[in-house]
Amino acid sequence: MNDLTLSLQITALGMGLVFGAILLLWLTMVILTTLTSDKDLTEKSGSDSAEFESTPQADSRWKAALLAVALALESQKNTPAHLQEEPPTAIVSAWQLGMRTRQMSDKGNFRRR
């Protein structure tokens, strides 16, 4: 019976350490989010959620977001990715063709060699 109690103690100690580490990480995340949260946004959104104040910083963020979207759309136009057509003979089914196309686009192999 001594071996059983020793093994239960070791198990309890291990599980306690695991849950203690999880709680420590959770506490660290809570502290970091409270310290680094943007308090100005929460106060403004609570009082005047319908109004939008135009500040130079907000304008530059808006312009940066528009520029990022424009660049993403332009780079999407220039990619050589296209849908593969079914071969003249029905060697592969439409399902297989779709799966292979998705696998190739996931790997980044857009060009045929």
Protein backbone atom coordinates (compact mmCIF):
# COMPACT_ATOMS: atom_id res chain seq x y z
CA MET A 1 0.00 0.00 0.00
CA ASN A 2 2.99 2.28 0.47
CA ASP A 3 3.71 2.27 -3.29
CA LEU A 4 0.14 3.31 -4.04
CA THR A 5 0.24 6.28 -1.68
CA LEU A 6 3.63 7.34 -3.03
CA SER A 7 2.38 7.18 -6.64
CA LEU A 8 -0.74 9.17 -5.71
CA GLN A 9 1.40 11.81 -4.03
CA ILE A 10 3.66 12.08 -7.07
CA THR A 11 0.59 12.34 -9.35
CA ALA A 12 -0.97 15.03 -7.16
CA LEU A 13 2.30 16.96 -7.07
CA GLY A 14 2.67 16.79 -10.87
CA MET A 15 -0.91 17.84 -11.51
CA GLY A 16 -0.58 20.63 -8.95
CA LEU A 17 2.53 21.94 -10.70
CA VAL A 18 0.81 21.85 -14.09
CA PHE A 19 -2.29 23.68 -12.90
CA GLY A 20 -0.15 26.11 -10.91
CA ALA A 21 1.83 26.95 -14.05
CA ILE A 22 -1.40 27.44 -16.02
CA LEU A 23 -2.78 29.76 -13.34
CA LEU A 24 0.51 31.68 -13.27
CA LEU A 25 0.40 32.18 -17.06
CA TRP A 26 -3.25 33.26 -16.84
CA LEU A 27 -2.46 35.77 -14.11
CA THR A 28 0.47 37.11 -16.14
CA MET A 29 -1.77 37.57 -19.20
CA VAL A 30 -4.41 39.39 -17.13
CA ILE A 31 -1.81 41.73 -15.67
CA LEU A 32 -0.24 42.44 -19.06
CA THR A 33 -3.59 43.16 -20.73
CA THR A 34 -4.63 45.54 -17.96
CA LEU A 35 -1.31 47.36 -18.08
CA THR A 36 -1.10 47.63 -21.87
CA SER A 37 -4.76 48.20 -22.73
CA ASP A 38 -5.69 51.47 -24.42
CA LYS A 39 -7.80 53.19 -21.77
CA ASP A 40 -8.67 56.18 -24.00
CA LEU A 41 -10.60 54.03 -26.44
CA THR A 42 -12.71 52.38 -23.75
CA GLU A 43 -13.61 55.70 -22.15
CA LYS A 44 -14.55 57.37 -25.46
CA SER A 45 -16.54 54.41 -26.73
CA GLY A 46 -18.62 54.33 -23.57
CA SER A 47 -19.62 58.01 -23.66
CA ASP A 48 -19.89 58.95 -27.35
CA SER A 49 -20.01 55.81 -29.44
CA ALA A 50 -21.87 57.49 -32.33
CA GLU A 51 -19.39 60.36 -32.77
CA PHE A 52 -16.05 60.01 -34.49
CA GLU A 53 -13.34 62.51 -33.75
CA SER A 54 -10.92 63.13 -36.56
CA THR A 55 -7.39 63.36 -35.22
CA PRO A 56 -4.16 63.37 -37.21
CA GLN A 57 -3.26 59.97 -35.75
CA ALA A 58 -6.66 58.51 -36.70
CA ASP A 59 -6.35 60.00 -40.20
CA SER A 60 -2.90 58.49 -40.70
CA ARG A 61 -4.15 55.09 -39.50
CA TRP A 62 -7.10 55.34 -41.89
CA LYS A 63 -4.79 56.21 -44.78
CA ALA A 64 -2.43 53.36 -43.86
CA ALA A 65 -5.34 50.91 -43.80
CA LEU A 66 -6.56 52.12 -47.19
CA LEU A 67 -3.06 51.82 -48.61
CA ALA A 68 -2.71 48.27 -47.25
CA VAL A 69 -6.02 47.23 -48.80
CA ALA A 70 -5.08 48.80 -52.14
CA LEU A 71 -1.71 47.02 -52.14
CA ALA A 72 -3.31 43.70 -51.24
CA LEU A 73 -5.86 44.01 -54.03
CA GLU A 74 -3.18 44.95 -56.53
CA SER A 75 -0.91 42.07 -55.53
CA GLN A 76 -3.87 39.71 -55.79
CA LYS A 77 -4.38 40.79 -59.40
CA ASN A 78 -0.73 40.10 -60.25
CA THR A 79 -0.56 36.57 -58.85
CA PRO A 80 -0.26 33.78 -61.39
CA ALA A 81 -2.83 31.74 -59.47
CA HIS A 82 -5.75 30.58 -61.54
CA LEU A 83 -8.26 27.79 -61.52
CA GLN A 84 -7.12 24.68 -63.27
CA GLU A 85 -9.28 23.40 -66.03
CA GLU A 86 -10.31 19.78 -66.24
CA PRO A 87 -8.15 17.79 -68.65
CA PRO A 88 -9.72 16.72 -71.96
CA THR A 89 -9.94 13.14 -70.77
CA ALA A 90 -11.65 12.57 -67.46
CA ILE A 91 -8.56 11.25 -65.69
CA VAL A 92 -9.36 13.11 -62.47
CA SER A 93 -12.74 14.00 -61.07
CA ALA A 94 -13.82 17.54 -60.23
CA TRP A 95 -13.41 16.77 -56.54
CA GLN A 96 -9.83 15.60 -57.02
CA LEU A 97 -9.05 18.63 -59.15
CA GLY A 98 -10.38 20.97 -56.49
CA MET A 99 -8.44 19.25 -53.72
CA ARG A 100 -5.20 19.27 -55.72
CA THR A 101 -5.67 22.95 -56.60
CA ARG A 102 -6.21 23.80 -52.94
CA GLN A 103 -3.14 21.80 -51.89
CA MET A 104 -1.00 23.57 -54.45
CA SER A 105 -2.22 27.00 -53.42
CA ASP A 106 -1.64 26.14 -49.73
CA LYS A 107 1.96 25.17 -50.50
CA GLY A 108 2.52 28.26 -52.64
CA ASN A 109 3.18 26.32 -55.86
CA PHE A 110 1.25 28.51 -58.26
CA ARG A 111 3.40 27.95 -61.36
CA ARG A 112 3.52 24.90 -63.57
CA ARG A 113 6.91 23.61 -64.56
